[in-house]
Amino acid sequence: MLTIEEIRELIKIVDESSLDEFTYETNGAKVKMKKDTQYHEGYTIYQPVQTDEKTQEQMSVETMPVQSDSKQTETGESSKKETTSDYDHEIVSPMVGTFYAAPNPESDPYVKVGSEVQSESIVCIVEAMKLFNEIEAEVTGEVVEIMVEDGELVEYGQPLFRVKTT
C-alpha cells in the first residue's frame, strides 16, 4: 500500500511534467492520475478495496482539482489577494484537500486576522479523503492575512495564513 507521502510525491512529479496520464501499480495498490485539461486540471486516485482474499474492487477515493493561484476578472485584473509584507511566517497546507476555517458551519472560525496564535493553536481544518486534519500554527504570533476562503480547495504547500511571529 502506498503512503500519503508517496502519493503526494507522485502528484508533484506528474504535475510538474508534461504527462497527461500516469498509472502506477505496486504491492496491490494502483494509482492512476489523469490531467483533465479540457475543463480543469485534476487527478483521480484509486486504491484497492479488499472484498475477500480472492477478489478486489477498484474504488475512486478522491478527485483532486488543481487550482491556479489567481483568476482574471472581466477587467483583466488579478483577483489574487493583496500581499502584506508585515509577516515572517506562512502556514502552508500539508496536503491537497478542502480548507475549512471553522470546526462546523455554525461555529466561529478558529482564527481571524489579528488573532494571536500559539505553536499548538489549531488554525483550520483540511479535509482530505474524508479525513478532517486539524492544522496547527507551529509558531507563536499574530495572524496578519488569511489567504484562502472557507470551502476552497487547497494544494500541498499552498500558503493558508501569514503570521507575524513574536
Protein backbone atom coordinates (compact mmCIF):
# COMPACT_ATOMS: atom_id res chain seq x y z
CA MET A 1 0.00 0.00 0.00
CA LEU A 2 1.28 3.48 -0.81
CA THR A 3 1.71 6.06 1.92
CA ILE A 4 0.23 9.54 1.69
CA GLU A 5 3.75 10.96 1.28
CA GLU A 6 4.43 8.64 -1.67
CA ILE A 7 1.12 9.67 -3.30
CA ARG A 8 1.94 13.35 -2.74
CA GLU A 9 5.34 12.91 -4.35
CA LEU A 10 3.77 11.18 -7.37
CA ILE A 11 1.23 14.01 -7.73
CA LYS A 12 4.02 16.59 -7.57
CA ILE A 13 6.11 14.78 -10.19
CA VAL A 14 3.18 14.35 -12.60
CA ASP A 15 2.01 17.93 -12.04
CA GLU A 16 5.45 19.29 -12.94
CA SER A 17 5.75 17.07 -16.02
CA SER A 18 4.21 17.26 -19.46
CA LEU A 19 2.42 13.92 -18.93
CA ASP A 20 -1.35 13.92 -19.38
CA GLU A 21 -1.89 10.49 -17.81
CA PHE A 22 0.09 8.30 -15.40
CA THR A 23 -0.59 4.86 -13.87
CA TYR A 24 1.49 3.20 -11.15
CA GLU A 25 0.91 -0.21 -9.54
CA THR A 26 2.77 -1.71 -6.61
CA ASN A 27 2.02 -4.17 -3.80
CA GLY A 28 -1.72 -4.36 -4.52
CA ALA A 29 -2.20 -0.61 -4.85
CA LYS A 30 -2.89 1.24 -8.06
CA VAL A 31 -2.57 4.99 -8.57
CA LYS A 32 -3.96 6.45 -11.77
CA MET A 33 -3.62 10.17 -12.46
CA LYS A 34 -5.06 11.90 -15.45
CA LYS A 35 -4.97 15.61 -16.20
CA ASP A 36 -8.36 16.74 -17.48
CA THR A 37 -7.19 19.82 -19.35
CA GLN A 38 -10.45 20.36 -21.23
CA TYR A 39 -12.39 21.61 -18.18
CA HIS A 40 -9.95 21.73 -15.29
CA GLU A 41 -6.77 20.02 -14.27
CA GLY A 42 -7.15 17.25 -11.73
CA TYR A 43 -6.25 13.77 -10.63
CA THR A 44 -8.23 10.71 -9.64
CA ILE A 45 -6.53 8.32 -7.24
CA TYR A 46 -7.67 4.73 -6.99
CA GLN A 47 -6.87 2.34 -4.17
CA PRO A 48 -7.99 -1.27 -3.92
CA VAL A 49 -10.72 -2.30 -1.51
CA GLN A 50 -10.30 -5.86 -0.25
CA THR A 51 -13.65 -7.66 -0.50
CA ASP A 52 -12.26 -11.10 0.21
CA GLU A 53 -8.96 -12.88 -0.30
CA LYS A 54 -9.63 -13.73 -3.97
CA THR A 55 -11.22 -10.57 -5.33
CA GLN A 56 -10.53 -6.87 -5.27
CA GLU A 57 -12.62 -3.96 -6.49
CA GLN A 58 -11.24 -0.62 -7.61
CA MET A 59 -12.82 2.32 -5.86
CA SER A 60 -12.35 6.00 -6.68
CA VAL A 61 -11.07 7.55 -3.47
CA GLU A 62 -10.77 11.23 -4.35
CA THR A 63 -10.69 13.59 -7.28
CA MET A 64 -8.32 16.44 -6.54
CA PRO A 65 -8.58 19.50 -8.78
CA VAL A 66 -5.51 21.65 -9.22
CA GLN A 67 -6.24 25.33 -8.83
CA SER A 68 -4.26 28.24 -10.14
CA ASP A 69 -3.05 30.92 -7.71
CA SER A 70 -5.08 33.72 -9.26
CA LYS A 71 -8.01 34.28 -11.58
CA GLN A 72 -8.54 37.03 -14.11
CA THR A 73 -11.60 39.25 -13.71
CA GLU A 74 -13.57 40.70 -16.60
CA THR A 75 -11.44 43.85 -16.43
CA GLY A 76 -8.28 41.74 -16.71
CA GLU A 77 -7.20 42.45 -13.14
CA SER A 78 -5.93 39.67 -10.97
CA SER A 79 -8.27 38.62 -8.16
CA LYS A 80 -5.41 37.26 -6.05
CA LYS A 81 -5.41 38.85 -2.62
CA GLU A 82 -3.04 41.69 -1.85
CA THR A 83 0.14 40.54 -0.19
CA THR A 84 1.30 42.06 3.05
CA SER A 85 4.98 42.47 3.80
CA ASP A 86 4.25 42.59 7.56
CA TYR A 87 4.73 38.86 8.16
CA ASP A 88 7.65 36.49 8.61
CA HIS A 89 5.99 33.06 8.51
CA GLU A 90 3.47 31.33 6.25
CA ILE A 91 1.33 28.44 7.45
CA VAL A 92 1.01 26.14 4.44
CA SER A 93 -1.29 23.25 3.64
CA PRO A 94 0.39 19.90 4.38
CA MET A 95 -1.86 18.15 1.85
CA VAL A 96 -4.30 18.50 -1.01
CA GLY A 97 -7.84 18.94 0.30
CA THR A 98 -10.65 21.28 1.26
CA PHE A 99 -9.94 24.20 3.62
CA TYR A 100 -12.37 24.79 6.49
CA ALA A 101 -11.97 27.86 8.71
CA ALA A 102 -14.23 26.51 11.48
CA PRO A 103 -14.92 23.12 13.09
CA ASN A 104 -18.51 23.21 11.73
CA PRO A 105 -20.66 25.63 9.70
CA GLU A 106 -22.38 27.07 12.80
CA SER A 107 -19.12 27.81 14.67
CA ASP A 108 -16.90 30.86 14.58
CA PRO A 109 -13.65 30.45 12.63
CA TYR A 110 -10.62 29.15 14.51
CA VAL A 111 -8.71 32.38 13.77
CA LYS A 112 -9.32 35.78 12.20
CA VAL A 113 -6.93 38.50 11.05
CA GLY A 114 -5.46 39.88 14.29
CA SER A 115 -5.85 36.62 16.23
CA GLU A 116 -2.96 35.65 18.48
CA VAL A 117 -1.81 32.05 17.99
CA GLN A 118 0.49 29.72 19.87
CA SER A 119 2.52 26.98 18.20
CA GLU A 120 -0.08 24.33 19.10
CA SER A 121 -3.12 26.50 18.25
CA ILE A 122 -5.47 24.96 15.67
CA VAL A 123 -5.91 27.45 12.82
CA CYS A 124 -8.07 25.43 10.39
CA ILE A 125 -9.07 22.01 9.10
CA VAL A 126 -8.02 20.50 5.78
CA GLU A 127 -10.27 17.63 4.68
CA ALA A 128 -8.58 15.01 2.53
CA MET A 129 -10.18 11.70 1.54
CA LYS A 130 -12.97 12.12 4.13
CA LEU A 131 -10.44 12.70 6.94
CA PHE A 132 -10.54 16.02 8.79
CA ASN A 133 -6.99 17.11 9.62
CA GLU A 134 -6.52 19.87 12.20
CA ILE A 135 -3.72 22.23 11.15
CA GLU A 136 -1.64 23.84 13.91
CA ALA A 137 0.06 27.23 13.69
CA GLU A 138 3.51 25.82 14.59
CA VAL A 139 4.62 29.36 15.55
CA THR A 140 3.65 31.96 18.13
CA GLY A 141 2.44 35.26 16.75
CA GLU A 142 -0.40 37.23 15.18
CA VAL A 143 -2.37 36.23 12.06
CA VAL A 144 -1.95 39.11 9.58
CA GLU A 145 -3.55 37.54 6.49
CA ILE A 146 -5.87 34.67 5.61
CA MET A 147 -5.02 33.58 2.08
CA VAL A 148 -7.92 31.21 1.27
CA GLU A 149 -11.70 31.16 1.57
CA ASP A 150 -13.74 28.70 3.60
CA GLY A 151 -14.57 25.62 1.49
CA GLU A 152 -11.81 26.35 -1.05
CA LEU A 153 -9.74 23.50 -2.45
CA VAL A 154 -6.08 23.84 -1.49
CA GLU A 155 -2.92 22.23 -2.79
CA TYR A 156 0.03 20.70 -0.98
CA GLY A 157 2.35 23.53 0.12
CA GLN A 158 -0.17 26.30 -0.67
CA PRO A 159 0.04 29.20 1.81
CA LEU A 160 -3.06 29.41 4.04
CA PHE A 161 -2.11 32.10 6.58
CA ARG A 162 0.57 34.72 7.06
CA VAL A 163 1.77 35.24 10.62
CA LYS A 164 3.92 37.93 12.25
CA THR A 165 5.86 35.95 14.84
CA THR A 166 6.57 37.30 18.30
